[in-house]
């Protein structure tokens, strides 16, 4: 699998696990959150929360960030991407959704101590809902809809290593199924050619 996308609300472990997974696989880690934070701070001197409010007022700005990041992901091989819209935008990818209770996510974000980011409970809840609603309105997709994913993992009460191992196990199973399917297809075509 050359492309893996990880989606979920803030604090579910997308970046932490994504970085570990990328390192383990020898892939490149890409994060739309890091990309957006850098863009917001560099271009506007804003926190992620302020920038998302600006994007609500100026949807073209939000579109451009997502489309630029989409192109980066689609033009780069062997990636693990922390990208809520990855399931929708990144071609030929394994798409994973991380779940976590709001309280656990809040606790994780407090410990992370991100600069220029509001981490009170209500700000995080509002940020998650604003983002979800904005994507539904703009792109017609709900990143919280479990039907959009190949693998769903509740990251609560699991260490990042345990989550990574669960993903690796799922990719090994998928690879084995593909090998068996390819073998069967070769045999079928070989037998079909004899007829």
Protein backbone atom coordinates (compact mmCIF):
# COMPACT_ATOMS: atom_id res chain seq x y z
CA UNK A 1 0.00 0.00 0.00
CA UNK A 2 1.71 3.20 -1.18
CA UNK A 3 -0.73 5.67 0.39
CA UNK A 4 -2.41 5.59 3.77
CA UNK A 5 -4.72 8.35 5.00
CA UNK A 6 -5.74 8.84 8.61
CA UNK A 7 -8.82 10.84 9.55
CA UNK A 8 -10.60 11.71 12.78
CA UNK A 9 -11.31 14.59 15.11
CA UNK A 10 -8.60 16.62 16.82
CA UNK A 11 -6.72 14.70 19.48
CA UNK A 12 -7.43 11.17 18.22
CA UNK A 13 -3.75 10.47 17.55
CA UNK A 14 -3.57 10.99 13.80
CA UNK A 15 -0.20 12.75 13.82
CA UNK A 16 1.38 10.69 16.59
CA UNK A 17 0.48 7.34 15.04
CA UNK A 18 0.94 8.62 11.50
CA UNK A 19 4.54 9.64 12.16
CA UNK A 20 5.33 6.31 13.81
CA UNK A 21 3.68 4.36 11.00
CA UNK A 22 5.50 6.34 8.32
CA UNK A 23 8.83 5.74 10.04
CA UNK A 24 8.12 2.01 10.42
CA UNK A 25 7.17 1.67 6.73
CA UNK A 26 9.90 3.99 5.46
CA UNK A 27 7.18 6.32 4.12
CA UNK A 28 6.92 10.10 4.22
CA UNK A 29 4.54 11.62 6.79
CA UNK A 30 2.32 14.49 5.61
CA UNK A 31 -0.09 16.41 7.83
CA UNK A 32 -2.76 18.79 6.59
CA UNK A 33 -2.91 20.17 10.14
CA UNK A 34 0.80 21.04 10.16
CA UNK A 35 0.49 22.41 6.64
CA UNK A 36 -2.50 24.57 7.64
CA UNK A 37 -0.94 25.73 10.94
CA UNK A 38 2.21 26.85 9.12
CA UNK A 39 0.16 28.54 6.41
CA UNK A 40 -2.11 30.32 8.93
CA UNK A 41 0.78 31.57 11.04
CA UNK A 42 3.07 32.52 8.15
CA UNK A 43 0.50 34.13 5.87
CA UNK A 44 -1.95 35.61 8.41
CA UNK A 45 -0.31 35.50 11.86
CA UNK A 46 -3.29 33.45 13.08
CA UNK A 47 -3.85 30.39 15.22
CA UNK A 48 -5.54 27.37 13.67
CA UNK A 49 -8.81 28.34 15.39
CA UNK A 50 -8.69 31.91 14.04
CA UNK A 51 -7.76 30.66 10.57
CA UNK A 52 -10.67 28.21 10.51
CA UNK A 53 -13.03 31.05 11.42
CA UNK A 54 -11.56 33.07 8.53
CA UNK A 55 -12.06 30.08 6.22
CA UNK A 56 -15.72 30.01 7.23
CA UNK A 57 -15.96 33.63 6.03
CA UNK A 58 -13.79 33.01 2.96
CA UNK A 59 -14.44 29.44 1.74
CA UNK A 60 -12.10 29.87 -1.25
CA UNK A 61 -9.19 30.09 1.20
CA UNK A 62 -10.16 26.79 2.79
CA UNK A 63 -10.61 25.20 -0.63
CA UNK A 64 -7.17 26.27 -1.73
CA UNK A 65 -5.48 24.77 1.35
CA UNK A 66 -7.28 21.43 0.90
CA UNK A 67 -6.69 21.32 -2.86
CA UNK A 68 -3.00 22.16 -2.55
CA UNK A 69 -2.61 19.44 0.07
CA UNK A 70 -4.63 17.00 -2.09
CA UNK A 71 -2.22 17.58 -4.97
CA UNK A 72 0.81 17.08 -2.71
CA UNK A 73 -0.62 13.74 -1.52
CA UNK A 74 -1.57 12.52 -4.98
CA UNK A 75 1.82 13.44 -6.43
CA UNK A 76 3.86 11.80 -3.67
CA UNK A 77 4.34 8.04 -3.36
CA UNK A 78 4.74 6.07 -0.15
CA UNK A 79 2.96 8.42 2.23
CA UNK A 80 1.04 8.34 5.45
CA UNK A 81 -1.20 11.41 5.43
CA UNK A 82 -2.99 12.95 8.39
CA UNK A 83 -5.80 14.34 6.22
CA UNK A 84 -9.46 14.35 7.27
CA UNK A 85 -10.54 14.50 3.61
CA UNK A 86 -7.94 11.96 2.50
CA UNK A 87 -10.60 9.29 1.91
CA UNK A 88 -12.23 11.67 -0.58
CA UNK A 89 -9.19 13.23 -2.24
CA UNK A 90 -6.26 10.78 -2.15
CA UNK A 91 -6.43 8.22 -4.92
CA UNK A 92 -5.69 4.53 -4.34
CA UNK A 93 -5.24 4.84 -0.59
CA UNK A 94 -6.04 2.81 2.48
CA UNK A 95 -8.33 5.08 4.48
CA UNK A 96 -8.40 4.87 8.27
CA UNK A 97 -10.67 6.64 10.77
CA UNK A 98 -9.57 7.15 14.37
CA UNK A 99 -12.27 7.43 17.03
CA UNK A 100 -11.92 8.73 20.59
CA UNK A 101 -14.21 10.19 23.25
CA UNK A 102 -14.29 13.99 23.45
CA UNK A 103 -12.88 13.94 26.99
CA UNK A 104 -9.93 11.72 26.04
CA UNK A 105 -9.20 13.89 22.99
CA UNK A 106 -9.35 17.03 25.15
CA UNK A 107 -6.92 15.50 27.66
CA UNK A 108 -4.48 14.56 24.89
CA UNK A 109 -4.58 18.02 23.33
CA UNK A 110 -3.90 19.67 26.69
CA UNK A 111 -0.82 17.49 27.14
CA UNK A 112 0.38 18.30 23.59
CA UNK A 113 0.64 22.02 24.45
CA UNK A 114 0.36 23.26 20.86
CA UNK A 115 1.33 26.88 20.37
CA UNK A 116 -1.20 29.42 19.10
CA UNK A 117 -4.07 26.99 19.52
CA UNK A 118 -7.06 27.22 21.84
CA UNK A 119 -7.28 23.98 23.76
CA UNK A 120 -10.21 24.56 26.09
CA UNK A 121 -12.94 21.94 25.81
CA UNK A 122 -15.53 24.16 24.11
CA UNK A 123 -13.03 25.56 21.56
CA UNK A 124 -12.01 22.05 20.55
CA UNK A 125 -15.62 20.91 20.25
CA UNK A 126 -16.50 24.01 18.20
CA UNK A 127 -13.42 23.55 15.99
CA UNK A 128 -14.33 19.92 15.26
CA UNK A 129 -17.96 20.69 14.45
CA UNK A 130 -17.11 23.75 12.34
CA UNK A 131 -14.66 21.73 10.31
CA UNK A 132 -17.10 18.85 9.84
CA UNK A 133 -19.92 21.18 8.78
CA UNK A 134 -17.65 23.16 6.46
CA UNK A 135 -16.53 20.00 4.66
CA UNK A 136 -20.11 18.75 4.35
CA UNK A 137 -21.22 22.09 2.90
CA UNK A 138 -18.27 22.51 0.56
CA UNK A 139 -17.35 19.00 -0.56
CA UNK A 140 -20.55 17.09 0.21
CA UNK A 141 -18.72 14.54 2.35
CA UNK A 142 -18.73 13.80 6.07
CA UNK A 143 -15.33 12.77 7.37
CA UNK A 144 -17.02 11.40 10.51
CA UNK A 145 -19.10 8.91 8.47
CA UNK A 146 -17.59 5.49 9.16
CA UNK A 147 -18.80 4.20 5.77
CA UNK A 148 -16.03 6.22 4.09
CA UNK A 149 -13.22 4.11 5.58
CA UNK A 150 -11.46 0.80 5.09
CA UNK A 151 -10.42 0.56 8.74
CA UNK A 152 -11.86 2.14 11.90
CA UNK A 153 -9.87 2.19 15.14
CA UNK A 154 -10.93 3.44 18.57
CA UNK A 155 -7.62 4.85 19.82
CA UNK A 156 -8.83 5.21 23.42
CA UNK A 157 -7.07 3.05 25.97
CA UNK A 158 -4.49 2.04 23.34
CA UNK A 159 -0.92 3.21 23.10
CA UNK A 160 0.22 4.70 19.80
CA UNK A 161 2.31 1.55 19.27
CA UNK A 162 -0.76 -0.67 19.71
CA UNK A 163 -2.70 1.43 17.19
CA UNK A 164 0.20 1.27 14.73
CA UNK A 165 0.43 -2.51 15.15
CA UNK A 166 -3.31 -2.82 14.46
CA UNK A 167 -2.85 -0.89 11.21
CA UNK A 168 0.18 -2.97 10.22
CA UNK A 169 -1.77 -6.19 10.90
CA UNK A 170 -4.65 -4.93 8.74
CA UNK A 171 -2.28 -4.02 5.89
CA UNK A 172 -0.61 -7.45 6.08
CA UNK A 173 -4.02 -9.13 5.85
CA UNK A 174 -4.96 -6.88 2.92
CA UNK A 175 -1.65 -7.64 1.18
CA UNK A 176 -2.17 -11.39 1.71
CA UNK A 177 -5.69 -11.21 0.26
CA UNK A 178 -4.38 -9.30 -2.76
CA UNK A 179 -1.58 -11.85 -3.30
CA UNK A 180 -4.11 -14.69 -3.14
CA UNK A 181 -6.48 -12.87 -5.47
CA UNK A 182 -3.68 -12.19 -7.97
CA UNK A 183 -2.60 -15.82 -7.81
CA UNK A 184 -6.16 -16.98 -8.40
CA UNK A 185 -6.56 -14.54 -11.32
CA UNK A 186 -3.31 -15.75 -12.94
CA UNK A 187 -4.47 -19.34 -12.61
CA UNK A 188 -7.92 -18.48 -13.96
CA UNK A 189 -6.48 -16.65 -16.95
CA UNK A 190 -4.03 -19.45 -17.59
CA UNK A 191 -6.85 -22.03 -17.54
CA UNK A 192 -9.09 -19.75 -19.61
CA UNK A 193 -6.38 -19.43 -22.26
CA UNK A 194 -6.33 -23.23 -22.65
CA UNK A 195 -10.03 -23.40 -23.48
